[in-house]
Amino acid sequence: MALKKTKNLTTLIVSFFLACIALFCQTAIFPNFRLIFFAPFLVFYYFNFSFISSLWISALCGIIVDSLSSTAFGVYALNYTIVTALLYREKRFFNDDPISLASFTMILSTAFSIIFPILLFIFDKPISITGKWVITDLMIMPMVDGIYSLIWFWALLKLFEQLSGLIKKRYERD
């Protein structure tokens, strides 16, 4: 799975729909599980498009999450956009491999978790920051997001690339 400059727009579209499917199914299957569903998609997007384009896409992903949340509308969009503005250029430290995808996803998840309570305090309602929050939202959930990026994104996109390659070869032979 190529993170860097995947000129295959289909792969990016499939990764966007994988994030949407996970987001929509999450409330039914794991209602108390707080994954950052669009983080792996944003990592793929960062490697393939410009900074300005990434800001717009991160805002769009945030609006999608905002439309399904009970917080003040725009908090997730602002959070996603701020994290993109802060971390977009850090992609230069990551290679083209699944561990880089998981690592960068974990960093994005941690940044989302740090900025989100600040935005909630400003725009919605203050939340209490406890030791449990630090352990779950800053340590455990970023690791779960990294595992999610490997299982749900990297493995399924690798399978998609293999299947599309087989289909393409079959049509070329016929």
C-alpha atoms as a PDB file:
ATOM      1  CA  MET A   1       0.000   0.000   0.000  1.00  0.00           C
ATOM      2  CA  ALA A   2       1.645   3.161  -1.140  1.00  0.00           C
ATOM      3  CA  LEU A   3       1.184   6.079   1.208  1.00  0.00           C
ATOM      4  CA  LYS A   4       3.272   8.471  -0.815  1.00  0.00           C
ATOM      5  CA  LYS A   5       1.797   9.821  -4.022  1.00  0.00           C
ATOM      6  CA  THR A   6      -0.801   7.205  -4.767  1.00  0.00           C
ATOM      7  CA  LYS A   7      -1.959   8.567  -8.082  1.00  0.00           C
ATOM      8  CA  ASN A   8      -4.853   6.151  -7.823  1.00  0.00           C
ATOM      9  CA  LEU A   9      -7.819   8.334  -6.928  1.00  0.00           C
ATOM     10  CA  THR A  10      -9.960   5.225  -6.601  1.00  0.00           C
ATOM     11  CA  THR A  11      -7.894   4.093  -3.611  1.00  0.00           C
ATOM     12  CA  LEU A  12      -8.476   7.425  -1.875  1.00  0.00           C
ATOM     13  CA  ILE A  13     -12.209   7.275  -2.585  1.00  0.00           C
ATOM     14  CA  VAL A  14     -12.375   3.730  -1.222  1.00  0.00           C
ATOM     15  CA  SER A  15     -10.474   4.810   1.906  1.00  0.00           C
ATOM     16  CA  PHE A  16     -12.934   7.693   2.406  1.00  0.00           C
ATOM     17  CA  PHE A  17     -15.873   5.293   2.189  1.00  0.00           C
ATOM     18  CA  LEU A  18     -14.150   2.879   4.582  1.00  0.00           C
ATOM     19  CA  ALA A  19     -13.949   5.713   7.116  1.00  0.00           C
ATOM     20  CA  CYS A  20     -17.607   6.619   6.532  1.00  0.00           C
ATOM     21  CA  ILE A  21     -18.734   3.000   6.916  1.00  0.00           C
ATOM     22  CA  ALA A  22     -16.793   2.664  10.169  1.00  0.00           C
ATOM     23  CA  LEU A  23     -18.243   5.943  11.456  1.00  0.00           C
ATOM     24  CA  PHE A  24     -21.833   5.023  10.621  1.00  0.00           C
ATOM     25  CA  CYS A  25     -21.547   1.484  12.013  1.00  0.00           C
ATOM     26  CA  GLN A  26     -19.790   2.601  15.185  1.00  0.00           C
ATOM     27  CA  THR A  27     -22.895   3.909  16.920  1.00  0.00           C
ATOM     28  CA  ALA A  28     -24.722   0.632  16.384  1.00  0.00           C
ATOM     29  CA  ILE A  29     -21.896  -1.742  17.250  1.00  0.00           C
ATOM     30  CA  PHE A  30     -19.684   0.149  19.736  1.00  0.00           C
ATOM     31  CA  PRO A  31     -21.569   3.217  20.994  1.00  0.00           C
ATOM     32  CA  ASN A  32     -19.009   4.059  23.706  1.00  0.00           C
ATOM     33  CA  PHE A  33     -15.951   3.520  21.512  1.00  0.00           C
ATOM     34  CA  ARG A  34     -14.445   6.860  20.456  1.00  0.00           C
ATOM     35  CA  LEU A  35     -12.219   6.211  17.474  1.00  0.00           C
ATOM     36  CA  ILE A  36     -11.012   8.981  15.185  1.00  0.00           C
ATOM     37  CA  PHE A  37     -12.426   7.304  12.106  1.00  0.00           C
ATOM     38  CA  PHE A  38     -11.077   9.706   9.508  1.00  0.00           C
ATOM     39  CA  ALA A  39      -7.495   9.804  10.845  1.00  0.00           C
ATOM     40  CA  PRO A  40      -6.120   7.039   8.553  1.00  0.00           C
ATOM     41  CA  PHE A  41      -7.920   8.552   5.565  1.00  0.00           C
ATOM     42  CA  LEU A  42      -6.392  11.932   6.374  1.00  0.00           C
ATOM     43  CA  VAL A  43      -2.937  10.340   6.546  1.00  0.00           C
ATOM     44  CA  PHE A  44      -3.450   8.925   3.041  1.00  0.00           C
ATOM     45  CA  TYR A  45      -4.749  12.277   1.889  1.00  0.00           C
ATOM     46  CA  TYR A  46      -1.786  14.211   3.326  1.00  0.00           C
ATOM     47  CA  PHE A  47       0.612  12.104   1.281  1.00  0.00           C
ATOM     48  CA  ASN A  48      -1.280  12.670  -1.953  1.00  0.00           C
ATOM     49  CA  PHE A  49      -2.543  16.238  -1.945  1.00  0.00           C
ATOM     50  CA  SER A  50      -1.518  19.763  -1.085  1.00  0.00           C
ATOM     51  CA  PHE A  51      -1.776  21.479   2.272  1.00  0.00           C
ATOM     52  CA  ILE A  52      -4.744  23.642   1.252  1.00  0.00           C
ATOM     53  CA  SER A  53      -6.609  20.672  -0.194  1.00  0.00           C
ATOM     54  CA  SER A  54      -5.929  18.706   3.000  1.00  0.00           C
ATOM     55  CA  LEU A  55      -7.362  21.546   5.089  1.00  0.00           C
ATOM     56  CA  TRP A  56     -10.571  21.480   3.055  1.00  0.00           C
ATOM     57  CA  ILE A  57     -10.909  17.705   3.228  1.00  0.00           C
ATOM     58  CA  SER A  58     -10.234  17.659   6.966  1.00  0.00           C
ATOM     59  CA  ALA A  59     -12.950  20.291   7.437  1.00  0.00           C
ATOM     60  CA  LEU A  60     -15.334  18.154   5.360  1.00  0.00           C
ATOM     61  CA  CYS A  61     -14.525  15.071   7.454  1.00  0.00           C
ATOM     62  CA  GLY A  62     -15.121  17.118  10.593  1.00  0.00           C
ATOM     63  CA  ILE A  63     -18.484  18.318   9.277  1.00  0.00           C
ATOM     64  CA  ILE A  64     -19.514  14.709   8.650  1.00  0.00           C
ATOM     65  CA  VAL A  65     -18.611  13.803  12.240  1.00  0.00           C
ATOM     66  CA  ASP A  66     -20.302  17.006  13.489  1.00  0.00           C
ATOM     67  CA  SER A  67     -23.524  16.037  11.764  1.00  0.00           C
ATOM     68  CA  LEU A  68     -23.622  12.810  13.785  1.00  0.00           C
ATOM     69  CA  SER A  69     -22.538  14.231  17.144  1.00  0.00           C
ATOM     70  CA  SER A  70     -24.344  16.020  19.938  1.00  0.00           C
ATOM     71  CA  THR A  71     -21.671  18.676  20.518  1.00  0.00           C
ATOM     72  CA  ALA A  72     -21.849  22.204  19.142  1.00  0.00           C
ATOM     73  CA  PHE A  73     -21.805  22.064  15.362  1.00  0.00           C
ATOM     74  CA  GLY A  74     -18.391  22.853  13.938  1.00  0.00           C
ATOM     75  CA  VAL A  75     -16.256  21.685  16.863  1.00  0.00           C
ATOM     76  CA  TYR A  76     -15.088  18.543  15.053  1.00  0.00           C
ATOM     77  CA  ALA A  77     -14.539  20.424  11.794  1.00  0.00           C
ATOM     78  CA  LEU A  78     -12.423  22.989  13.607  1.00  0.00           C
ATOM     79  CA  ASN A  79     -10.560  20.245  15.475  1.00  0.00           C
ATOM     80  CA  TYR A  80      -9.767  18.310  12.291  1.00  0.00           C
ATOM     81  CA  THR A  81      -8.661  21.501  10.534  1.00  0.00           C
ATOM     82  CA  ILE A  82      -6.413  22.636  13.395  1.00  0.00           C
ATOM     83  CA  VAL A  83      -4.774  19.206  13.633  1.00  0.00           C
ATOM     84  CA  THR A  84      -4.200  19.190   9.877  1.00  0.00           C
ATOM     85  CA  ALA A  85      -2.667  22.664  10.034  1.00  0.00           C
ATOM     86  CA  LEU A  86      -0.357  21.575  12.850  1.00  0.00           C
ATOM     87  CA  LEU A  87       0.680  18.128  11.594  1.00  0.00           C
ATOM     88  CA  TYR A  88       0.459  18.146   7.778  1.00  0.00           C
ATOM     89  CA  ARG A  89       4.125  18.918   7.280  1.00  0.00           C
ATOM     90  CA  GLU A  90       5.190  16.176   9.694  1.00  0.00           C
ATOM     91  CA  LYS A  91       4.470  13.600   6.995  1.00  0.00           C
ATOM     92  CA  ARG A  92       8.082  14.040   5.919  1.00  0.00           C
ATOM     93  CA  PHE A  93       9.170  11.936   8.908  1.00  0.00           C
ATOM     94  CA  PHE A  94       7.179   8.886   7.791  1.00  0.00           C
ATOM     95  CA  ASN A  95       7.977   6.219   5.236  1.00  0.00           C
ATOM     96  CA  ASP A  96       5.869   4.257   2.832  1.00  0.00           C
ATOM     97  CA  ASP A  97       4.881   1.335   5.058  1.00  0.00           C
ATOM     98  CA  PRO A  98       2.029   0.153   7.306  1.00  0.00           C
ATOM     99  CA  ILE A  99       3.894   1.003  10.523  1.00  0.00           C
ATOM    100  CA  SER A 100       4.161   4.611   9.374  1.00  0.00           C
ATOM    101  CA  LEU A 101       0.421   4.646   8.718  1.00  0.00           C
ATOM    102  CA  ALA A 102      -0.278   3.368  12.234  1.00  0.00           C
ATOM    103  CA  SER A 103       2.268   5.704  13.832  1.00  0.00           C
ATOM    104  CA  PHE A 104       1.034   8.823  12.068  1.00  0.00           C
ATOM    105  CA  THR A 105      -2.565   7.830  12.838  1.00  0.00           C
ATOM    106  CA  MET A 106      -1.653   7.521  16.511  1.00  0.00           C
ATOM    107  CA  ILE A 107      -0.072  10.979  16.473  1.00  0.00           C
ATOM    108  CA  LEU A 108      -3.153  12.466  14.778  1.00  0.00           C
ATOM    109  CA  SER A 109      -5.416  10.736  17.283  1.00  0.00           C
ATOM    110  CA  THR A 110      -3.423  12.116  20.209  1.00  0.00           C
ATOM    111  CA  ALA A 111      -3.548  15.616  18.747  1.00  0.00           C
ATOM    112  CA  PHE A 112      -7.321  15.333  18.217  1.00  0.00           C
ATOM    113  CA  SER A 113      -7.700  14.215  21.827  1.00  0.00           C
ATOM    114  CA  ILE A 114      -5.624  17.100  23.178  1.00  0.00           C
ATOM    115  CA  ILE A 115      -7.334  19.834  21.151  1.00  0.00           C
ATOM    116  CA  PHE A 116     -10.910  18.555  21.490  1.00  0.00           C
ATOM    117  CA  PRO A 117     -11.425  19.403  25.199  1.00  0.00           C
ATOM    118  CA  ILE A 118     -10.027  22.879  24.597  1.00  0.00           C
ATOM    119  CA  LEU A 119     -12.541  23.449  21.797  1.00  0.00           C
ATOM    120  CA  LEU A 120     -15.340  21.997  23.915  1.00  0.00           C
ATOM    121  CA  PHE A 121     -14.427  24.396  26.705  1.00  0.00           C
ATOM    122  CA  ILE A 122     -14.504  27.349  24.319  1.00  0.00           C
ATOM    123  CA  PHE A 123     -17.607  26.500  22.287  1.00  0.00           C
ATOM    124  CA  ASP A 124     -19.769  24.006  24.134  1.00  0.00           C
ATOM    125  CA  LYS A 125     -19.260  22.916  27.704  1.00  0.00           C
ATOM    126  CA  PRO A 126     -16.259  22.297  29.901  1.00  0.00           C
ATOM    127  CA  ILE A 127     -15.302  18.711  30.548  1.00  0.00           C
ATOM    128  CA  SER A 128     -13.308  17.445  33.467  1.00  0.00           C
ATOM    129  CA  ILE A 129      -9.853  16.200  32.679  1.00  0.00           C
ATOM    130  CA  THR A 130      -9.090  13.282  34.946  1.00  0.00           C
ATOM    131  CA  GLY A 131      -6.421  10.626  35.171  1.00  0.00           C
ATOM    132  CA  LYS A 132      -8.810   8.201  33.506  1.00  0.00           C
ATOM    133  CA  TRP A 133      -9.199  10.606  30.569  1.00  0.00           C
ATOM    134  CA  VAL A 134      -5.423  10.917  30.217  1.00  0.00           C
ATOM    135  CA  ILE A 135      -4.986   7.144  30.192  1.00  0.00           C
ATOM    136  CA  THR A 136      -7.875   6.370  27.843  1.00  0.00           C
ATOM    137  CA  ASP A 137      -7.850   9.309  25.426  1.00  0.00           C
ATOM    138  CA  LEU A 138      -4.139  10.062  25.284  1.00  0.00           C
ATOM    139  CA  MET A 139      -2.661   6.577  25.608  1.00  0.00           C
ATOM    140  CA  ILE A 140      -5.044   3.715  24.914  1.00  0.00           C
ATOM    141  CA  MET A 141      -7.320   5.165  22.222  1.00  0.00           C
ATOM    142  CA  PRO A 142      -4.461   6.423  19.994  1.00  0.00           C
ATOM    143  CA  MET A 143      -3.035   2.886  20.049  1.00  0.00           C
ATOM    144  CA  VAL A 144      -6.474   1.491  19.171  1.00  0.00           C
ATOM    145  CA  ASP A 145      -6.699   4.052  16.346  1.00  0.00           C
ATOM    146  CA  GLY A 146      -3.317   2.837  15.064  1.00  0.00           C
ATOM    147  CA  ILE A 147      -4.503  -0.788  15.146  1.00  0.00           C
ATOM    148  CA  TYR A 148      -7.741   0.288  13.443  1.00  0.00           C
ATOM    149  CA  SER A 149      -5.692   1.934  10.672  1.00  0.00           C
ATOM    150  CA  LEU A 150      -3.785  -1.294  10.077  1.00  0.00           C
ATOM    151  CA  ILE A 151      -6.763  -3.645  10.139  1.00  0.00           C
ATOM    152  CA  TRP A 152      -9.521  -1.539   8.614  1.00  0.00           C
ATOM    153  CA  PHE A 153      -7.507   0.624   6.211  1.00  0.00           C
ATOM    154  CA  TRP A 154      -4.194  -0.892   5.281  1.00  0.00           C
ATOM    155  CA  ALA A 155      -5.356  -4.509   5.063  1.00  0.00           C
ATOM    156  CA  LEU A 156      -8.609  -3.741   3.244  1.00  0.00           C
ATOM    157  CA  LEU A 157      -6.955  -1.290   0.843  1.00  0.00           C
ATOM    158  CA  LYS A 158      -4.206  -3.804   0.140  1.00  0.00           C
ATOM    159  CA  LEU A 159      -6.912  -6.384  -0.619  1.00  0.00           C
ATOM    160  CA  PHE A 160      -8.693  -3.838  -2.843  1.00  0.00           C
ATOM    161  CA  GLU A 161      -5.479  -3.128  -4.752  1.00  0.00           C
ATOM    162  CA  GLN A 162      -4.822  -6.848  -5.234  1.00  0.00           C
ATOM    163  CA  LEU A 163      -8.359  -7.528  -6.461  1.00  0.00           C
ATOM    164  CA  SER A 164      -8.388  -4.528  -8.789  1.00  0.00           C
ATOM    165  CA  GLY A 165      -5.004  -5.630 -10.174  1.00  0.00           C
ATOM    166  CA  LEU A 166      -6.343  -9.133 -10.827  1.00  0.00           C
ATOM    167  CA  ILE A 167      -9.462  -7.773 -12.504  1.00  0.00           C
ATOM    168  CA  LYS A 168      -7.389  -5.409 -14.642  1.00  0.00           C
ATOM    169  CA  LYS A 169      -5.080  -8.271 -15.751  1.00  0.00           C
ATOM    170  CA  ARG A 170      -8.053 -10.463 -16.570  1.00  0.00           C
ATOM    171  CA  TYR A 171      -9.606  -7.799 -18.809  1.00  0.00           C
ATOM    172  CA  GLU A 172      -6.268  -7.142 -20.517  1.00  0.00           C
ATOM    173  CA  ARG A 173      -5.960 -10.847 -21.421  1.00  0.00           C
ATOM    174  CA  ASP A 174      -9.463 -11.026 -22.874  1.00  0.00           C
END
